[in-house]
C-alpha atoms as a PDB file:
ATOM      1  CA  MET A   1     -34.585 -59.186  78.489  1.00  0.00           C
ATOM      2  CA  LYS A   2     -35.743 -58.620  82.066  1.00  0.00           C
ATOM      3  CA  MET A   3     -38.464 -56.229  80.849  1.00  0.00           C
ATOM      4  CA  PHE A   4     -39.565 -58.754  78.195  1.00  0.00           C
ATOM      5  CA  GLY A   5     -39.766 -61.449  80.881  1.00  0.00           C
ATOM      6  CA  LYS A   6     -41.790 -59.159  83.133  1.00  0.00           C
ATOM      7  CA  LEU A   7     -44.230 -58.307  80.331  1.00  0.00           C
ATOM      8  CA  THR A   8     -44.563 -61.973  79.454  1.00  0.00           C
ATOM      9  CA  ALA A   9     -45.421 -62.784  83.080  1.00  0.00           C
ATOM     10  CA  ILE A  10     -48.016 -59.992  83.199  1.00  0.00           C
ATOM     11  CA  ALA A  11     -49.595 -61.203  79.951  1.00  0.00           C
ATOM     12  CA  ALA A  12     -49.676 -64.768  81.223  1.00  0.00           C
ATOM     13  CA  GLY A  13     -51.327 -63.624  84.441  1.00  0.00           C
ATOM     14  CA  ALA A  14     -53.928 -61.628  82.507  1.00  0.00           C
ATOM     15  CA  LEU A  15     -54.601 -64.652  80.294  1.00  0.00           C
ATOM     16  CA  MET A  16     -55.102 -66.857  83.341  1.00  0.00           C
ATOM     17  CA  MET A  17     -57.515 -64.327  84.865  1.00  0.00           C
ATOM     18  CA  MET A  18     -59.459 -64.124  81.594  1.00  0.00           C
ATOM     19  CA  SER A  19     -59.619 -67.921  81.326  1.00  0.00           C
ATOM     20  CA  SER A  20     -60.832 -68.169  84.939  1.00  0.00           C
ATOM     21  CA  ALA A  21     -63.497 -65.525  84.374  1.00  0.00           C
ATOM     22  CA  GLN A  22     -64.737 -67.325  81.274  1.00  0.00           C
ATOM     23  CA  ALA A  23     -64.893 -70.583  83.212  1.00  0.00           C
ATOM     24  CA  LEU A  24     -67.203 -68.956  85.767  1.00  0.00           C
ATOM     25  CA  ASP A  25     -69.675 -67.694  83.167  1.00  0.00           C
ATOM     26  CA  MET A  26     -72.305 -70.315  82.360  1.00  0.00           C
ATOM     27  CA  ASN A  27     -75.446 -70.714  80.290  1.00  0.00           C
ATOM     28  CA  LEU A  28     -78.547 -72.458  81.637  1.00  0.00           C
ATOM     29  CA  GLY A  29     -81.186 -73.725  79.241  1.00  0.00           C
ATOM     30  CA  HIS A  30     -84.742 -74.923  79.718  1.00  0.00           C
ATOM     31  CA  THR A  31     -87.761 -75.446  77.469  1.00  0.00           C
ATOM     32  CA  LEU A  32     -90.604 -73.660  79.264  1.00  0.00           C
ATOM     33  CA  THR A  33     -91.918 -70.101  79.476  1.00  0.00           C
ATOM     34  CA  LEU A  34     -90.854 -67.159  81.631  1.00  0.00           C
ATOM     35  CA  ASP A  35     -93.723 -67.731  84.062  1.00  0.00           C
ATOM     36  CA  SER A  36     -92.975 -71.449  84.525  1.00  0.00           C
ATOM     37  CA  PRO A  37     -91.538 -73.168  87.631  1.00  0.00           C
ATOM     38  CA  PHE A  38     -88.530 -74.110  85.478  1.00  0.00           C
ATOM     39  CA  HIS A  39     -87.704 -70.451  84.898  1.00  0.00           C
ATOM     40  CA  ALA A  40     -88.452 -69.411  88.472  1.00  0.00           C
ATOM     41  CA  GLY A  41     -86.039 -72.017  89.835  1.00  0.00           C
ATOM     42  CA  ALA A  42     -83.383 -71.420  87.196  1.00  0.00           C
ATOM     43  CA  GLN A  43     -83.383 -67.646  87.689  1.00  0.00           C
ATOM     44  CA  LYS A  44     -83.316 -68.029  91.469  1.00  0.00           C
ATOM     45  CA  PHE A  45     -80.287 -70.301  91.104  1.00  0.00           C
ATOM     46  CA  ALA A  46     -78.539 -67.712  88.923  1.00  0.00           C
ATOM     47  CA  ASP A  47     -79.363 -64.840  91.301  1.00  0.00           C
ATOM     48  CA  LEU A  48     -78.242 -66.706  94.421  1.00  0.00           C
ATOM     49  CA  LEU A  49     -74.988 -67.837  92.845  1.00  0.00           C
ATOM     50  CA  LYS A  50     -74.121 -64.362  91.624  1.00  0.00           C
ATOM     51  CA  GLU A  51     -74.832 -62.910  95.066  1.00  0.00           C
ATOM     52  CA  ARG A  52     -72.941 -65.553  97.036  1.00  0.00           C
ATOM     53  CA  SER A  53     -69.914 -65.499  94.733  1.00  0.00           C
ATOM     54  CA  ASN A  54     -69.756 -61.692  94.797  1.00  0.00           C
ATOM     55  CA  GLY A  55     -70.397 -61.622  91.085  1.00  0.00           C
ATOM     56  CA  GLU A  56     -67.691 -64.120  90.154  1.00  0.00           C
ATOM     57  CA  ILE A  57     -70.052 -66.892  89.017  1.00  0.00           C
ATOM     58  CA  ASN A  58     -72.570 -65.660  86.469  1.00  0.00           C
ATOM     59  CA  ILE A  59     -75.332 -67.679  84.856  1.00  0.00           C
ATOM     60  CA  THR A  60     -77.405 -66.516  81.895  1.00  0.00           C
ATOM     61  CA  VAL A  61     -80.775 -68.280  81.724  1.00  0.00           C
ATOM     62  CA  PHE A  62     -82.172 -69.136  78.290  1.00  0.00           C
ATOM     63  CA  PRO A  63     -85.868 -70.156  78.473  1.00  0.00           C
ATOM     64  CA  HIS A  64     -88.258 -71.530  75.871  1.00  0.00           C
ATOM     65  CA  SER A  65     -85.833 -73.893  74.096  1.00  0.00           C
ATOM     66  CA  GLN A  66     -83.491 -71.091  73.018  1.00  0.00           C
ATOM     67  CA  LEU A  67     -80.570 -73.487  73.525  1.00  0.00           C
ATOM     68  CA  GLY A  68     -82.500 -76.448  72.123  1.00  0.00           C
ATOM     69  CA  GLY A  69     -84.871 -79.099  73.372  1.00  0.00           C
ATOM     70  CA  GLU A  70     -84.248 -81.217  76.443  1.00  0.00           C
ATOM     71  CA  LEU A  71     -82.536 -84.036  74.543  1.00  0.00           C
ATOM     72  CA  THR A  72     -80.212 -81.522  72.863  1.00  0.00           C
ATOM     73  CA  LEU A  73     -79.375 -79.986  76.246  1.00  0.00           C
ATOM     74  CA  ILE A  74     -78.616 -83.380  77.776  1.00  0.00           C
ATOM     75  CA  GLN A  75     -76.370 -84.403  74.917  1.00  0.00           C
ATOM     76  CA  GLY A  76     -74.626 -81.025  74.906  1.00  0.00           C
ATOM     77  CA  ALA A  77     -73.880 -81.275  78.622  1.00  0.00           C
ATOM     78  CA  GLN A  78     -72.451 -84.757  78.149  1.00  0.00           C
ATOM     79  CA  MET A  79     -70.133 -83.398  75.454  1.00  0.00           C
ATOM     80  CA  GLY A  80     -69.252 -80.348  77.567  1.00  0.00           C
ATOM     81  CA  THR A  81     -70.792 -77.816  75.166  1.00  0.00           C
ATOM     82  CA  GLU A  82     -73.692 -76.971  77.506  1.00  0.00           C
ATOM     83  CA  ASP A  83     -73.206 -75.942  81.135  1.00  0.00           C
ATOM     84  CA  VAL A  84     -76.441 -76.330  83.108  1.00  0.00           C
ATOM     85  CA  PHE A  85     -79.993 -77.252  82.144  1.00  0.00           C
ATOM     86  CA  VAL A  86     -83.407 -78.229  83.423  1.00  0.00           C
ATOM     87  CA  THR A  87     -85.117 -81.336  82.137  1.00  0.00           C
ATOM     88  CA  GLY A  88     -88.188 -83.361  82.835  1.00  0.00           C
ATOM     89  CA  GLN A  89     -87.366 -86.903  83.915  1.00  0.00           C
ATOM     90  CA  SER A  90     -89.021 -88.552  80.917  1.00  0.00           C
ATOM     91  CA  THR A  91     -86.440 -87.156  78.474  1.00  0.00           C
ATOM     92  CA  LEU A  92     -83.599 -88.187  80.767  1.00  0.00           C
ATOM     93  CA  THR A  93     -84.640 -91.857  80.505  1.00  0.00           C
ATOM     94  CA  ASN A  94     -83.110 -91.974  77.023  1.00  0.00           C
ATOM     95  CA  THR A  95     -79.725 -91.442  78.696  1.00  0.00           C
ATOM     96  CA  ALA A  96     -80.088 -92.844  82.221  1.00  0.00           C
ATOM     97  CA  ARG A  97     -82.505 -95.786  82.197  1.00  0.00           C
ATOM     98  CA  GLU A  98     -82.718 -95.757  85.985  1.00  0.00           C
ATOM     99  CA  PHE A  99     -85.035 -92.746  85.734  1.00  0.00           C
ATOM    100  CA  LEU A 100     -87.603 -94.867  83.911  1.00  0.00           C
ATOM    101  CA  ILE A 101     -88.856 -95.772  87.402  1.00  0.00           C
ATOM    102  CA  PHE A 102     -90.762 -92.468  87.426  1.00  0.00           C
ATOM    103  CA  ASP A 103     -92.776 -93.560  84.390  1.00  0.00           C
ATOM    104  CA  ILE A 104     -94.531 -96.132  86.587  1.00  0.00           C
ATOM    105  CA  PRO A 105     -98.182 -95.068  86.924  1.00  0.00           C
ATOM    106  CA  TYR A 106     -99.310 -94.089  90.409  1.00  0.00           C
ATOM    107  CA  LEU A 107     -95.781 -94.403  91.776  1.00  0.00           C
ATOM    108  CA  PHE A 108     -96.548 -91.514  94.144  1.00  0.00           C
ATOM    109  CA  ASP A 109     -99.770 -90.494  95.867  1.00  0.00           C
ATOM    110  CA  SER A 110     -99.306 -86.721  95.707  1.00  0.00           C
ATOM    111  CA  VAL A 111     -96.959 -83.926  94.702  1.00  0.00           C
ATOM    112  CA  GLU A 112     -96.050 -83.410  98.342  1.00  0.00           C
ATOM    113  CA  GLN A 113     -95.161 -87.066  98.851  1.00  0.00           C
ATOM    114  CA  ALA A 114     -93.079 -87.169  95.675  1.00  0.00           C
ATOM    115  CA  ASN A 115     -91.128 -84.046  96.665  1.00  0.00           C
ATOM    116  CA  GLU A 116     -90.499 -85.309 100.185  1.00  0.00           C
ATOM    117  CA  ILE A 117     -89.122 -88.630  98.927  1.00  0.00           C
ATOM    118  CA  LEU A 118     -86.967 -87.085  96.210  1.00  0.00           C
ATOM    119  CA  ASN A 119     -85.529 -84.502  98.611  1.00  0.00           C
ATOM    120  CA  GLY A 120     -84.212 -87.350 100.799  1.00  0.00           C
ATOM    121  CA  PRO A 121     -81.903 -90.388 100.471  1.00  0.00           C
ATOM    122  CA  VAL A 122     -83.993 -91.969  97.702  1.00  0.00           C
ATOM    123  CA  GLY A 123     -83.611 -88.881  95.526  1.00  0.00           C
ATOM    124  CA  ASP A 124     -79.862 -88.915  96.189  1.00  0.00           C
ATOM    125  CA  LYS A 125     -79.748 -92.552  95.081  1.00  0.00           C
ATOM    126  CA  PHE A 126     -80.969 -91.513  91.645  1.00  0.00           C
ATOM    127  CA  LEU A 127     -78.702 -88.455  91.436  1.00  0.00           C
ATOM    128  CA  ASP A 128     -75.705 -90.643  92.262  1.00  0.00           C
ATOM    129  CA  VAL A 129     -76.009 -92.497  88.943  1.00  0.00           C
ATOM    130  CA  LEU A 130     -75.721 -89.353  86.805  1.00  0.00           C
ATOM    131  CA  PRO A 131     -71.903 -88.916  86.907  1.00  0.00           C
ATOM    132  CA  ASP A 132     -71.643 -92.257  85.079  1.00  0.00           C
ATOM    133  CA  TYR A 133     -73.377 -90.482  82.178  1.00  0.00           C
ATOM    134  CA  GLY A 134     -71.227 -87.333  82.263  1.00  0.00           C
ATOM    135  CA  LEU A 135     -73.767 -85.355  84.287  1.00  0.00           C
ATOM    136  CA  VAL A 136     -74.092 -84.015  87.842  1.00  0.00           C
ATOM    137  CA  GLY A 137     -77.536 -83.728  89.406  1.00  0.00           C
ATOM    138  CA  LEU A 138     -77.809 -80.538  91.451  1.00  0.00           C
ATOM    139  CA  GLY A 139     -81.364 -81.072  92.668  1.00  0.00           C
ATOM    140  CA  TRP A 140     -85.022 -81.740  92.048  1.00  0.00           C
ATOM    141  CA  PHE A 141     -87.669 -79.297  90.918  1.00  0.00           C
ATOM    142  CA  SER A 142     -91.185 -80.044  92.101  1.00  0.00           C
ATOM    143  CA  SER A 143     -92.759 -83.180  90.718  1.00  0.00           C
ATOM    144  CA  MET A 144     -95.500 -82.168  88.309  1.00  0.00           C
ATOM    145  CA  GLU A 145     -98.953 -83.704  88.517  1.00  0.00           C
ATOM    146  CA  ARG A 146     -99.992 -84.702  85.004  1.00  0.00           C
ATOM    147  CA  ASN A 147    -103.705 -84.892  84.273  1.00  0.00           C
ATOM    148  CA  VAL A 148    -105.667 -85.651  81.115  1.00  0.00           C
ATOM    149  CA  PHE A 149    -107.376 -82.808  79.268  1.00  0.00           C
ATOM    150  CA  ALA A 150    -109.796 -83.924  76.607  1.00  0.00           C
ATOM    151  CA  SER A 151    -112.989 -83.503  74.646  1.00  0.00           C
ATOM    152  CA  ARG A 152    -114.784 -85.770  77.107  1.00  0.00           C
ATOM    153  CA  ALA A 153    -115.112 -86.319  80.838  1.00  0.00           C
ATOM    154  CA  ILE A 154    -113.133 -89.175  82.361  1.00  0.00           C
ATOM    155  CA  GLU A 155    -114.800 -90.438  85.489  1.00  0.00           C
ATOM    156  CA  SER A 156    -113.333 -93.971  85.472  1.00  0.00           C
ATOM    157  CA  ALA A 157    -111.042 -96.210  83.416  1.00  0.00           C
ATOM    158  CA  ASP A 158    -113.901 -97.161  81.092  1.00  0.00           C
ATOM    159  CA  ASP A 159    -114.004 -93.616  79.738  1.00  0.00           C
ATOM    160  CA  PHE A 160    -110.551 -94.045  78.179  1.00  0.00           C
ATOM    161  CA  ASN A 161    -111.806 -96.727  75.775  1.00  0.00           C
ATOM    162  CA  GLY A 162    -111.108 -95.708  72.182  1.00  0.00           C
ATOM    163  CA  MET A 163    -109.700 -92.311  73.145  1.00  0.00           C
ATOM    164  CA  LYS A 164    -106.837 -91.155  70.918  1.00  0.00           C
ATOM    165  CA  LEU A 165    -104.494 -89.584  73.433  1.00  0.00           C
ATOM    166  CA  ARG A 166    -101.243 -87.757  72.784  1.00  0.00           C
ATOM    167  CA  VAL A 167     -98.575 -88.980  75.190  1.00  0.00           C
ATOM    168  CA  ILE A 168     -94.905 -88.383  75.840  1.00  0.00           C
ATOM    169  CA  GLN A 169     -92.807 -90.746  73.748  1.00  0.00           C
ATOM    170  CA  SER A 170     -91.604 -92.712  76.748  1.00  0.00           C
ATOM    171  CA  PRO A 171     -92.376 -96.408  77.393  1.00  0.00           C
ATOM    172  CA  GLY A 172     -94.177 -95.900  80.689  1.00  0.00           C
ATOM    173  CA  TYR A 173     -96.547 -93.294  79.292  1.00  0.00           C
ATOM    174  CA  VAL A 174     -97.389 -95.324  76.194  1.00  0.00           C
ATOM    175  CA  GLU A 175     -97.909 -98.535  78.159  1.00  0.00           C
ATOM    176  CA  SER A 176     -99.915 -96.832  80.927  1.00  0.00           C
ATOM    177  CA  TYR A 177    -102.480 -95.276  78.629  1.00  0.00           C
ATOM    178  CA  ASN A 178    -102.715 -98.324  76.416  1.00  0.00           C
ATOM    179  CA  ALA A 179    -103.475-100.328  79.561  1.00  0.00           C
ATOM    180  CA  LEU A 180    -106.341 -97.922  80.233  1.00  0.00           C
ATOM    181  CA  GLY A 181    -107.826 -98.670  76.821  1.00  0.00           C
ATOM    182  CA  ALA A 182    -106.722 -95.473  75.121  1.00  0.00           C
ATOM    183  CA  GLN A 183    -104.851 -95.294  71.847  1.00  0.00           C
ATOM    184  CA  ALA A 184    -101.575 -93.798  73.062  1.00  0.00           C
ATOM    185  CA  THR A 185    -100.223 -91.551  70.312  1.00  0.00           C
ATOM    186  CA  PRO A 186     -96.720 -90.034  70.567  1.00  0.00           C
ATOM    187  CA  MET A 187     -96.709 -86.613  68.914  1.00  0.00           C
ATOM    188  CA  ALA A 188     -94.471 -83.560  68.940  1.00  0.00           C
ATOM    189  CA  TYR A 189     -95.625 -81.141  71.613  1.00  0.00           C
ATOM    190  CA  SER A 190     -95.503 -78.295  69.089  1.00  0.00           C
ATOM    191  CA  ASP A 191     -98.156 -80.073  66.985  1.00  0.00           C
ATOM    192  CA  LEU A 192    -100.529 -80.705  69.873  1.00  0.00           C
ATOM    193  CA  TYR A 193    -102.626 -77.506  69.850  1.00  0.00           C
ATOM    194  CA  LEU A 194    -103.497 -77.809  66.166  1.00  0.00           C
ATOM    195  CA  ALA A 195    -104.214 -81.549  66.491  1.00  0.00           C
ATOM    196  CA  LEU A 196    -106.693 -80.826  69.281  1.00  0.00           C
ATOM    197  CA  GLN A 197    -108.252 -77.950  67.386  1.00  0.00           C
ATOM    198  CA  GLN A 198    -108.767 -80.117  64.299  1.00  0.00           C
ATOM    199  CA  HIS A 199    -109.976 -83.103  66.372  1.00  0.00           C
ATOM    200  CA  VAL A 200    -107.133 -85.294  65.109  1.00  0.00           C
ATOM    201  CA  ILE A 201    -106.751 -86.473  68.695  1.00  0.00           C
ATOM    202  CA  ASP A 202    -109.090 -86.455  71.672  1.00  0.00           C
ATOM    203  CA  GLY A 203    -106.775 -85.299  74.421  1.00  0.00           C
ATOM    204  CA  ALA A 204    -103.379 -85.298  76.099  1.00  0.00           C
ATOM    205  CA  ASP A 205    -101.839 -85.009  79.554  1.00  0.00           C
ATOM    206  CA  THR A 206    -100.025 -82.169  81.273  1.00  0.00           C
ATOM    207  CA  SER A 207     -99.874 -80.242  84.525  1.00  0.00           C
ATOM    208  CA  PRO A 208    -102.448 -77.487  85.185  1.00  0.00           C
ATOM    209  CA  ASP A 209     -99.999 -74.618  84.775  1.00  0.00           C
ATOM    210  CA  GLN A 210     -98.874 -75.793  81.334  1.00  0.00           C
ATOM    211  CA  PHE A 211    -102.469 -76.450  80.326  1.00  0.00           C
ATOM    212  CA  VAL A 212    -103.138 -72.758  80.923  1.00  0.00           C
ATOM    213  CA  SER A 213     -99.857 -71.217  79.752  1.00  0.00           C
ATOM    214  CA  ASP A 214     -99.811 -73.176  76.472  1.00  0.00           C
ATOM    215  CA  LYS A 215    -103.467 -72.193  75.835  1.00  0.00           C
ATOM    216  CA  PHE A 216    -104.903 -75.697  75.649  1.00  0.00           C
ATOM    217  CA  ILE A 217    -107.630 -74.142  77.744  1.00  0.00           C
ATOM    218  CA  GLU A 218    -108.954 -72.818  74.403  1.00  0.00           C
ATOM    219  CA  VAL A 219    -109.349 -76.213  72.713  1.00  0.00           C
ATOM    220  CA  SER A 220    -110.370 -78.600  75.515  1.00  0.00           C
ATOM    221  CA  LYS A 221    -113.695 -78.882  77.296  1.00  0.00           C
ATOM    222  CA  PHE A 222    -112.602 -81.072  80.216  1.00  0.00           C
ATOM    223  CA  TYR A 223    -109.627 -81.147  82.571  1.00  0.00           C
ATOM    224  CA  ASN A 224    -109.687 -84.565  84.236  1.00  0.00           C
ATOM    225  CA  VAL A 225    -107.709 -84.911  87.467  1.00  0.00           C
ATOM    226  CA  THR A 226    -106.370 -88.408  86.786  1.00  0.00           C
ATOM    227  CA  ARG A 227    -102.948 -88.158  88.500  1.00  0.00           C
ATOM    228  CA  VAL A 228    -101.504 -91.079  86.510  1.00  0.00           C
ATOM    229  CA  HIS A 229     -97.967 -89.681  86.653  1.00  0.00           C
ATOM    230  CA  TYR A 230     -96.045 -87.294  88.863  1.00  0.00           C
ATOM    231  CA  MET A 231     -93.129 -86.261  86.680  1.00  0.00           C
ATOM    232  CA  PRO A 232     -90.039 -84.950  88.470  1.00  0.00           C
ATOM    233  CA  ALA A 233     -87.767 -82.385  86.865  1.00  0.00           C
ATOM    234  CA  LEU A 234     -84.096 -81.888  87.607  1.00  0.00           C
ATOM    235  CA  LEU A 235     -81.403 -79.212  87.595  1.00  0.00           C
ATOM    236  CA  ILE A 236     -78.315 -80.792  86.019  1.00  0.00           C
ATOM    237  CA  MET A 237     -74.782 -79.617  85.261  1.00  0.00           C
ATOM    238  CA  SER A 238     -72.249 -80.966  82.814  1.00  0.00           C
ATOM    239  CA  LYS A 239     -69.772 -83.100  84.764  1.00  0.00           C
ATOM    240  CA  SER A 240     -66.854 -81.555  82.906  1.00  0.00           C
ATOM    241  CA  ARG A 241     -67.996 -78.079  83.960  1.00  0.00           C
ATOM    242  CA  TRP A 242     -68.601 -79.250  87.544  1.00  0.00           C
ATOM    243  CA  ASP A 243     -65.106 -80.731  87.685  1.00  0.00           C
ATOM    244  CA  SER A 244     -63.635 -77.394  86.576  1.00  0.00           C
ATOM    245  CA  PHE A 245     -64.740 -75.786  89.857  1.00  0.00           C
ATOM    246  CA  SER A 246     -62.771 -75.885  93.078  1.00  0.00           C
ATOM    247  CA  PRO A 247     -64.273 -77.731  96.073  1.00  0.00           C
ATOM    248  CA  GLU A 248     -65.220 -74.371  97.577  1.00  0.00           C
ATOM    249  CA  GLU A 249     -66.946 -73.292  94.368  1.00  0.00           C
ATOM    250  CA  GLN A 250     -68.737 -76.637  94.106  1.00  0.00           C
ATOM    251  CA  GLU A 251     -70.048 -76.189  97.631  1.00  0.00           C
ATOM    252  CA  MET A 252     -71.314 -72.718  96.727  1.00  0.00           C
ATOM    253  CA  VAL A 253     -72.992 -74.003  93.554  1.00  0.00           C
ATOM    254  CA  GLN A 254     -74.670 -76.850  95.420  1.00  0.00           C
ATOM    255  CA  GLY A 255     -75.900 -74.572  98.198  1.00  0.00           C
ATOM    256  CA  ALA A 256     -77.451 -72.171  95.699  1.00  0.00           C
ATOM    257  CA  ALA A 257     -79.070 -75.098  93.884  1.00  0.00           C
ATOM    258  CA  ASP A 258     -80.582 -76.451  97.116  1.00  0.00           C
ATOM    259  CA  ASP A 259     -82.186 -73.113  97.940  1.00  0.00           C
ATOM    260  CA  ALA A 260     -83.335 -72.543  94.352  1.00  0.00           C
ATOM    261  CA  MET A 261     -85.027 -75.951  94.220  1.00  0.00           C
ATOM    262  CA  ALA A 262     -86.915 -75.219  97.451  1.00  0.00           C
ATOM    263  CA  HIS A 263     -88.073 -71.958  95.869  1.00  0.00           C
ATOM    264  CA  ALA A 264     -89.154 -73.741  92.677  1.00  0.00           C
ATOM    265  CA  GLN A 265     -91.158 -76.332  94.598  1.00  0.00           C
ATOM    266  CA  ALA A 266     -93.056 -73.624  96.481  1.00  0.00           C
ATOM    267  CA  TYR A 267     -93.598 -71.736  93.236  1.00  0.00           C
ATOM    268  CA  TYR A 268     -95.098 -74.824  91.571  1.00  0.00           C
ATOM    269  CA  ARG A 269     -97.657 -75.125  94.353  1.00  0.00           C
ATOM    270  CA  GLU A 270     -98.664 -71.503  93.787  1.00  0.00           C
ATOM    271  CA  VAL A 271     -99.008 -71.775  90.021  1.00  0.00           C
ATOM    272  CA  TYR A 272    -100.846 -75.098  90.365  1.00  0.00           C
ATOM    273  CA  ASP A 273    -103.525 -73.518  92.561  1.00  0.00           C
ATOM    274  CA  LYS A 274    -103.747 -70.416  90.375  1.00  0.00           C
ATOM    275  CA  ALA A 275    -104.053 -72.511  87.201  1.00  0.00           C
ATOM    276  CA  MET A 276    -106.878 -74.614  88.615  1.00  0.00           C
ATOM    277  CA  GLN A 277    -108.776 -71.403  89.393  1.00  0.00           C
ATOM    278  CA  GLU A 278    -108.173 -70.101  85.864  1.00  0.00           C
ATOM    279  CA  ILE A 279    -109.308 -73.397  84.325  1.00  0.00           C
ATOM    280  CA  ALA A 280    -112.608 -73.222  86.191  1.00  0.00           C
ATOM    281  CA  ALA A 281    -113.066 -69.529  85.417  1.00  0.00           C
ATOM    282  CA  ALA A 282    -112.589 -70.223  81.690  1.00  0.00           C
ATOM    283  CA  GLY A 283    -115.538 -72.599  81.677  1.00  0.00           C
ATOM    284  CA  VAL A 284    -113.509 -75.794  81.339  1.00  0.00           C
ATOM    285  CA  THR A 285    -115.082 -78.554  83.426  1.00  0.00           C
ATOM    286  CA  ILE A 286    -112.749 -79.962  86.083  1.00  0.00           C
ATOM    287  CA  VAL A 287    -113.501 -83.636  86.680  1.00  0.00           C
ATOM    288  CA  GLU A 288    -112.256 -85.354  89.849  1.00  0.00           C
ATOM    289  CA  THR A 289    -111.683 -88.787  88.361  1.00  0.00           C
ATOM    290  CA  ASP A 290    -112.215 -91.860  90.546  1.00  0.00           C
ATOM    291  CA  VAL A 291    -108.663 -93.173  90.238  1.00  0.00           C
ATOM    292  CA  THR A 292    -109.337 -96.570  91.850  1.00  0.00           C
ATOM    293  CA  SER A 293    -110.189 -98.189  88.521  1.00  0.00           C
ATOM    294  CA  LEU A 294    -107.211 -96.462  86.860  1.00  0.00           C
ATOM    295  CA  VAL A 295    -104.812 -97.812  89.481  1.00  0.00           C
ATOM    296  CA  GLU A 296    -106.128-101.341  88.954  1.00  0.00           C
ATOM    297  CA  ALA A 297    -105.951-101.151  85.164  1.00  0.00           C
ATOM    298  CA  THR A 298    -102.369 -99.858  85.087  1.00  0.00           C
ATOM    299  CA  ALA A 299    -100.952-102.089  87.853  1.00  0.00           C
ATOM    300  CA  PRO A 300     -99.262-104.575  85.436  1.00  0.00           C
ATOM    301  CA  VAL A 301     -97.224-101.766  83.876  1.00  0.00           C
ATOM    302  CA  ALA A 302     -95.013-101.460  86.979  1.00  0.00           C
ATOM    303  CA  GLN A 303     -93.268-104.816  86.576  1.00  0.00           C
ATOM    304  CA  GLN A 304     -92.986-104.365  82.817  1.00  0.00           C
ATOM    305  CA  LEU A 305     -90.954-101.206  83.405  1.00  0.00           C
ATOM    306  CA  ILE A 306     -88.958-102.517  86.355  1.00  0.00           C
ATOM    307  CA  ASP A 307     -87.674-105.341  84.153  1.00  0.00           C
ATOM    308  CA  GLN A 308     -86.311-102.798  81.647  1.00  0.00           C
ATOM    309  CA  ILE A 309     -84.278-100.839  84.220  1.00  0.00           C
ATOM    310  CA  PRO A 310     -80.754-101.555  85.497  1.00  0.00           C
ATOM    311  CA  ASN A 311     -81.228-102.640  89.125  1.00  0.00           C
ATOM    312  CA  GLY A 312     -84.863-101.722  88.608  1.00  0.00           C
ATOM    313  CA  GLN A 313     -86.271-103.727  91.485  1.00  0.00           C
ATOM    314  CA  GLU A 314     -83.785-102.153  93.890  1.00  0.00           C
ATOM    315  CA  PHE A 315     -84.734 -98.617  92.826  1.00  0.00           C
ATOM    316  CA  TYR A 316     -88.450 -99.387  92.919  1.00  0.00           C
ATOM    317  CA  ASP A 317     -88.222-100.982  96.359  1.00  0.00           C
ATOM    318  CA  ALA A 318     -86.369 -97.906  97.667  1.00  0.00           C
ATOM    319  CA  VAL A 319     -89.227 -95.647  96.550  1.00  0.00           C
ATOM    320  CA  MET A 320     -91.845 -97.986  98.021  1.00  0.00           C
ATOM    321  CA  ALA A 321     -90.019 -98.213 101.349  1.00  0.00           C
ATOM    322  CA  ALA A 322     -89.837 -94.410 101.570  1.00  0.00           C
ATOM    323  CA  LYS A 323     -93.638 -94.192 101.162  1.00  0.00           C
ATOM    324  CA  ASN A 324     -94.250 -96.299 104.281  1.00  0.00           C
END
């Protein structure tokens, strides 16, 4: 009986060790390519955490939507079936309406300004709402400057008139481009290349690095630097998985995330500059749009969006105060 009790204790201990080891293995999903800032930041996070935990916390990164699209990742994390993921802010607005603030056109003046504000108390204010939705925000990737690539040059707001433009299916994007006189057309991103090639639409918006990596450089004559939106991206963990870690482990995870996000922001700056050089070298005309008329045309959109957001005016005012 004593031997049976001893064996039972050993088995129980082994089971506990196995359960603990499984709890420290996590999957991280994102939707972009291996050369994207999303992957650079995600892999850096995984590498740092493995090193600092002496191999006890292991993350496997799954790029290019291998674990599903951003909405699937968000929903999975809320249910506890996904561990960690990267998402652009626009998809997150379906879950946390507070993040609709970032759909406001010309909310920020530059990538650098956006990153500085989001890395401070204002960024924390937004992250603090995520636990209410079953999520934990670990940090901010670089905000991504989204510009319009098209079959025509856009030098002022007037050039948008009648343009059929693919946009993200998010209220701020639709309303912003409609305000500019374009025909905002939500469309699956996977259908975009063919739609441009067949002239079903006139253009779309994205950051320079994605414009190059997704080969839109082959089907667009102009890359117009319009800067209507600076879209942030976030590194997010399932709250149930976060709660499974000890305070010491949580501190280690957060520290690795902080350093990985700094790496990702620097990486975005590098790929942005490289992409702009590649765009010019490919013969695509880069147009420095006069944004003054665009700012004026889209100004009414701000209040329209603020009114749709819980405590929207408070969040908007916090961003505005941080800019001054």
